[in-house]
Amino acid sequence: MEVTSKLEAMFSCVKGVEQVSSYSSNGTGSVTVTLSKHVEPEVARFEISSIVRQT
């Protein structure tokens, strides 16, 4: 399983995340997270950055 797929699965569990998509190719990748209108972006950012630090 690619790193972006693992991150996508973990980020989708964060409260307020509506959609997660990822792209990877030749050793690079990106993950895009779309939040609900009703979530505080800073709270979601903190939760997501905590996931990244633990990975």
PDB file of N, CA and C in Angstrom:
ATOM      1  N   MET A   1       0.851  -1.189   0.000  1.00  0.00           N
ATOM      2  CA  MET A   1       0.000   0.000   0.000  1.00  0.00           C
ATOM      3  C   MET A   1       0.891   1.246   0.000  1.00  0.00           C
ATOM      4  N   GLU A   2       0.569   2.198  -0.814  1.00  0.00           N
ATOM      5  CA  GLU A   2       1.355   3.425  -0.913  1.00  0.00           C
ATOM      6  C   GLU A   2       1.104   4.328   0.291  1.00  0.00           C
ATOM      7  N   VAL A   3       2.070   5.171   0.574  1.00  0.00           N
ATOM      8  CA  VAL A   3       1.976   6.085   1.717  1.00  0.00           C
ATOM      9  C   VAL A   3       0.749   6.973   1.603  1.00  0.00           C
ATOM     10  N   THR A   4       0.480   7.501   0.409  1.00  0.00           N
ATOM     11  CA  THR A   4      -0.670   8.404   0.255  1.00  0.00           C
ATOM     12  C   THR A   4      -1.975   7.679   0.559  1.00  0.00           C
ATOM     13  N   SER A   5      -2.082   6.429   0.195  1.00  0.00           N
ATOM     14  CA  SER A   5      -3.299   5.658   0.479  1.00  0.00           C
ATOM     15  C   SER A   5      -3.480   5.464   1.972  1.00  0.00           C
ATOM     16  N   LYS A   6      -2.388   5.200   2.672  1.00  0.00           N
ATOM     17  CA  LYS A   6      -2.454   5.040   4.132  1.00  0.00           C
ATOM     18  C   LYS A   6      -2.887   6.341   4.799  1.00  0.00           C
ATOM     19  N   LEU A   7      -2.279   7.454   4.371  1.00  0.00           N
ATOM     20  CA  LEU A   7      -2.649   8.752   4.932  1.00  0.00           C
ATOM     21  C   LEU A   7      -4.099   9.092   4.620  1.00  0.00           C
ATOM     22  N   GLU A   8      -4.527   8.799   3.408  1.00  0.00           N
ATOM     23  CA  GLU A   8      -5.910   9.066   3.012  1.00  0.00           C
ATOM     24  C   GLU A   8      -6.877   8.337   3.952  1.00  0.00           C
ATOM     25  N   ALA A   9      -6.597   7.095   4.251  1.00  0.00           N
ATOM     26  CA  ALA A   9      -7.452   6.313   5.142  1.00  0.00           C
ATOM     27  C   ALA A   9      -7.470   6.903   6.556  1.00  0.00           C
ATOM     28  N   MET A  10      -6.317   7.329   7.045  1.00  0.00           N
ATOM     29  CA  MET A  10      -6.239   7.896   8.395  1.00  0.00           C
ATOM     30  C   MET A  10      -6.919   9.257   8.478  1.00  0.00           C
ATOM     31  N   PHE A  11      -6.717  10.100   7.471  1.00  0.00           N
ATOM     32  CA  PHE A  11      -7.320  11.436   7.478  1.00  0.00           C
ATOM     33  C   PHE A  11      -8.839  11.372   7.390  1.00  0.00           C
ATOM     34  N   SER A  12      -9.365  10.376   6.712  1.00  0.00           N
ATOM     35  CA  SER A  12     -10.823  10.281   6.543  1.00  0.00           C
ATOM     36  C   SER A  12     -11.537  10.038   7.864  1.00  0.00           C
ATOM     37  N   CYS A  13     -10.810   9.621   8.905  1.00  0.00           N
ATOM     38  CA  CYS A  13     -11.404   9.382  10.224  1.00  0.00           C
ATOM     39  C   CYS A  13     -11.487  10.645  11.080  1.00  0.00           C
ATOM     40  N   VAL A  14     -10.891  11.736  10.624  1.00  0.00           N
ATOM     41  CA  VAL A  14     -10.893  12.979  11.389  1.00  0.00           C
ATOM     42  C   VAL A  14     -12.281  13.614  11.310  1.00  0.00           C
ATOM     43  N   LYS A  15     -12.789  14.026  12.473  1.00  0.00           N
ATOM     44  CA  LYS A  15     -14.115  14.643  12.539  1.00  0.00           C
ATOM     45  C   LYS A  15     -14.161  15.899  11.670  1.00  0.00           C
ATOM     46  N   GLY A  16     -15.183  16.001  10.828  1.00  0.00           N
ATOM     47  CA  GLY A  16     -15.358  17.167   9.976  1.00  0.00           C
ATOM     48  C   GLY A  16     -14.767  17.024   8.585  1.00  0.00           C
ATOM     49  N   VAL A  17     -14.066  15.931   8.318  1.00  0.00           N
ATOM     50  CA  VAL A  17     -13.503  15.712   6.986  1.00  0.00           C
ATOM     51  C   VAL A  17     -14.601  15.143   6.094  1.00  0.00           C
ATOM     52  N   GLU A  18     -14.883  15.830   5.009  1.00  0.00           N
ATOM     53  CA  GLU A  18     -15.914  15.386   4.063  1.00  0.00           C
ATOM     54  C   GLU A  18     -15.338  14.483   2.981  1.00  0.00           C
ATOM     55  N   GLN A  19     -14.151  14.813   2.502  1.00  0.00           N
ATOM     56  CA  GLN A  19     -13.565  14.071   1.387  1.00  0.00           C
ATOM     57  C   GLN A  19     -12.049  14.121   1.478  1.00  0.00           C
ATOM     58  N   VAL A  20     -11.423  13.012   1.104  1.00  0.00           N
ATOM     59  CA  VAL A  20      -9.971  12.941   1.039  1.00  0.00           C
ATOM     60  C   VAL A  20      -9.608  12.301  -0.294  1.00  0.00           C
ATOM     61  N   SER A  21      -8.677  12.903  -1.002  1.00  0.00           N
ATOM     62  CA  SER A  21      -8.202  12.310  -2.252  1.00  0.00           C
ATOM     63  C   SER A  21      -6.682  12.405  -2.272  1.00  0.00           C
ATOM     64  N   SER A  22      -6.071  11.516  -3.038  1.00  0.00           N
ATOM     65  CA  SER A  22      -4.617  11.528  -3.097  1.00  0.00           C
ATOM     66  C   SER A  22      -4.149  11.214  -4.506  1.00  0.00           C
ATOM     67  N   TYR A  23      -2.908  11.603  -4.751  1.00  0.00           N
ATOM     68  CA  TYR A  23      -2.255  11.348  -6.029  1.00  0.00           C
ATOM     69  C   TYR A  23      -0.815  10.991  -5.722  1.00  0.00           C
ATOM     70  N   SER A  24      -0.313   9.971  -6.375  1.00  0.00           N
ATOM     71  CA  SER A  24       1.103   9.639  -6.220  1.00  0.00           C
ATOM     72  C   SER A  24       1.652   9.120  -7.537  1.00  0.00           C
ATOM     73  N   SER A  25       2.916   9.452  -7.782  1.00  0.00           N
ATOM     74  CA  SER A  25       3.568   9.032  -9.014  1.00  0.00           C
ATOM     75  C   SER A  25       5.073   9.178  -8.868  1.00  0.00           C
ATOM     76  N   ASN A  26       5.797   8.152  -9.214  1.00  0.00           N
ATOM     77  CA  ASN A  26       7.266   8.203  -9.263  1.00  0.00           C
ATOM     78  C   ASN A  26       7.909   8.797  -8.018  1.00  0.00           C
ATOM     79  N   GLY A  27       7.486   8.355  -6.851  1.00  0.00           N
ATOM     80  CA  GLY A  27       8.123   8.788  -5.618  1.00  0.00           C
ATOM     81  C   GLY A  27       7.628  10.088  -5.024  1.00  0.00           C
ATOM     82  N   THR A  28       6.636  10.724  -5.630  1.00  0.00           N
ATOM     83  CA  THR A  28       6.057  11.936  -5.056  1.00  0.00           C
ATOM     84  C   THR A  28       4.557  11.732  -4.890  1.00  0.00           C
ATOM     85  N   GLY A  29       3.947  12.564  -4.088  1.00  0.00           N
ATOM     86  CA  GLY A  29       2.507  12.441  -3.912  1.00  0.00           C
ATOM     87  C   GLY A  29       1.929  13.624  -3.181  1.00  0.00           C
ATOM     88  N   SER A  30       0.618  13.701  -3.193  1.00  0.00           N
ATOM     89  CA  SER A  30      -0.088  14.739  -2.457  1.00  0.00           C
ATOM     90  C   SER A  30      -1.419  14.183  -1.973  1.00  0.00           C
ATOM     91  N   VAL A  31      -1.892  14.756  -0.870  1.00  0.00           N
ATOM     92  CA  VAL A  31      -3.178  14.368  -0.304  1.00  0.00           C
ATOM     93  C   VAL A  31      -3.986  15.646  -0.128  1.00  0.00           C
ATOM     94  N   THR A  32      -5.221  15.653  -0.602  1.00  0.00           N
ATOM     95  CA  THR A  32      -6.109  16.806  -0.483  1.00  0.00           C
ATOM     96  C   THR A  32      -7.255  16.443   0.455  1.00  0.00           C
ATOM     97  N   VAL A  33      -7.508  17.308   1.439  1.00  0.00           N
ATOM     98  CA  VAL A  33      -8.562  17.085   2.425  1.00  0.00           C
ATOM     99  C   VAL A  33      -9.591  18.201   2.281  1.00  0.00           C
ATOM    100  N   THR A  34     -10.856  17.824   2.137  1.00  0.00           N
ATOM    101  CA  THR A  34     -11.953  18.786   2.075  1.00  0.00           C
ATOM    102  C   THR A  34     -12.729  18.702   3.378  1.00  0.00           C
ATOM    103  N   LEU A  35     -12.906  19.862   4.028  1.00  0.00           N
ATOM    104  CA  LEU A  35     -13.579  19.916   5.321  1.00  0.00           C
ATOM    105  C   LEU A  35     -15.026  20.354   5.190  1.00  0.00           C
ATOM    106  N   SER A  36     -15.827  19.932   6.132  1.00  0.00           N
ATOM    107  CA  SER A  36     -17.210  20.385   6.242  1.00  0.00           C
ATOM    108  C   SER A  36     -17.214  21.873   6.566  1.00  0.00           C
ATOM    109  N   LYS A  37     -18.276  22.572   6.202  1.00  0.00           N
ATOM    110  CA  LYS A  37     -18.409  23.998   6.518  1.00  0.00           C
ATOM    111  C   LYS A  37     -18.475  24.234   8.024  1.00  0.00           C
ATOM    112  N   HIS A  38     -18.894  23.231   8.763  1.00  0.00           N
ATOM    113  CA  HIS A  38     -19.167  23.395  10.186  1.00  0.00           C
ATOM    114  C   HIS A  38     -18.013  22.990  11.096  1.00  0.00           C
ATOM    115  N   VAL A  39     -16.836  22.778  10.530  1.00  0.00           N
ATOM    116  CA  VAL A  39     -15.689  22.374  11.340  1.00  0.00           C
ATOM    117  C   VAL A  39     -14.697  23.528  11.428  1.00  0.00           C
ATOM    118  N   GLU A  40     -14.042  23.649  12.571  1.00  0.00           N
ATOM    119  CA  GLU A  40     -12.991  24.655  12.726  1.00  0.00           C
ATOM    120  C   GLU A  40     -11.748  24.155  11.994  1.00  0.00           C
ATOM    121  N   PRO A  41     -11.279  24.866  10.981  1.00  0.00           N
ATOM    122  CA  PRO A  41     -10.116  24.412  10.216  1.00  0.00           C
ATOM    123  C   PRO A  41      -8.876  24.179  11.068  1.00  0.00           C
ATOM    124  N   GLU A  42      -8.662  25.011  12.078  1.00  0.00           N
ATOM    125  CA  GLU A  42      -7.473  24.860  12.914  1.00  0.00           C
ATOM    126  C   GLU A  42      -7.523  23.573  13.731  1.00  0.00           C
ATOM    127  N   VAL A  43      -8.703  23.163  14.163  1.00  0.00           N
ATOM    128  CA  VAL A  43      -8.842  21.918  14.920  1.00  0.00           C
ATOM    129  C   VAL A  43      -8.535  20.735  14.014  1.00  0.00           C
ATOM    130  N   ALA A  44      -9.097  20.740  12.814  1.00  0.00           N
ATOM    131  CA  ALA A  44      -8.838  19.652  11.861  1.00  0.00           C
ATOM    132  C   ALA A  44      -7.365  19.630  11.465  1.00  0.00           C
ATOM    133  N   ARG A  45      -6.772  20.788  11.252  1.00  0.00           N
ATOM    134  CA  ARG A  45      -5.356  20.863  10.896  1.00  0.00           C
ATOM    135  C   ARG A  45      -4.489  20.264  11.999  1.00  0.00           C
ATOM    136  N   PHE A  46      -4.820  20.580  13.244  1.00  0.00           N
ATOM    137  CA  PHE A  46      -4.062  20.033  14.367  1.00  0.00           C
ATOM    138  C   PHE A  46      -4.177  18.512  14.410  1.00  0.00           C
ATOM    139  N   GLU A  47      -5.388  17.986  14.248  1.00  0.00           N
ATOM    140  CA  GLU A  47      -5.586  16.536  14.273  1.00  0.00           C
ATOM    141  C   GLU A  47      -4.828  15.850  13.131  1.00  0.00           C
ATOM    142  N   ILE A  48      -4.895  16.440  11.956  1.00  0.00           N
ATOM    143  CA  ILE A  48      -4.215  15.852  10.789  1.00  0.00           C
ATOM    144  C   ILE A  48      -2.697  15.921  10.959  1.00  0.00           C
ATOM    145  N   SER A  49      -2.190  17.050  11.445  1.00  0.00           N
ATOM    146  CA  SER A  49      -0.732  17.147  11.648  1.00  0.00           C
ATOM    147  C   SER A  49      -0.274  16.176  12.733  1.00  0.00           C
ATOM    148  N   SER A  50      -1.097  15.908  13.725  1.00  0.00           N
ATOM    149  CA  SER A  50      -0.764  14.903  14.747  1.00  0.00           C
ATOM    150  C   SER A  50      -0.652  13.514  14.121  1.00  0.00           C
ATOM    151  N   ILE A  51      -1.544  13.201  13.208  1.00  0.00           N
ATOM    152  CA  ILE A  51      -1.500  11.912  12.507  1.00  0.00           C
ATOM    153  C   ILE A  51      -0.202  11.803  11.717  1.00  0.00           C
ATOM    154  N   VAL A  52       0.170  12.872  11.022  1.00  0.00           N
ATOM    155  CA  VAL A  52       1.389  12.853  10.211  1.00  0.00           C
ATOM    156  C   VAL A  52       2.615  12.640  11.093  1.00  0.00           C
ATOM    157  N   ARG A  53       2.670  13.321  12.230  1.00  0.00           N
ATOM    158  CA  ARG A  53       3.823  13.179  13.143  1.00  0.00           C
ATOM    159  C   ARG A  53       3.942  11.768  13.682  1.00  0.00           C
ATOM    160  N   GLN A  54       2.818  11.085  13.888  1.00  0.00           N
ATOM    161  CA  GLN A  54       2.828   9.736  14.454  1.00  0.00           C
ATOM    162  C   GLN A  54       3.106   8.665  13.417  1.00  0.00           C
ATOM    163  N   THR A  55       3.061   9.028  12.138  1.00  0.00           N
ATOM    164  CA  THR A  55       3.235   8.048  11.069  1.00  0.00           C
ATOM    165  C   THR A  55       4.697   7.860  10.721  1.00  0.00           C
TER     166      THR A  55
END
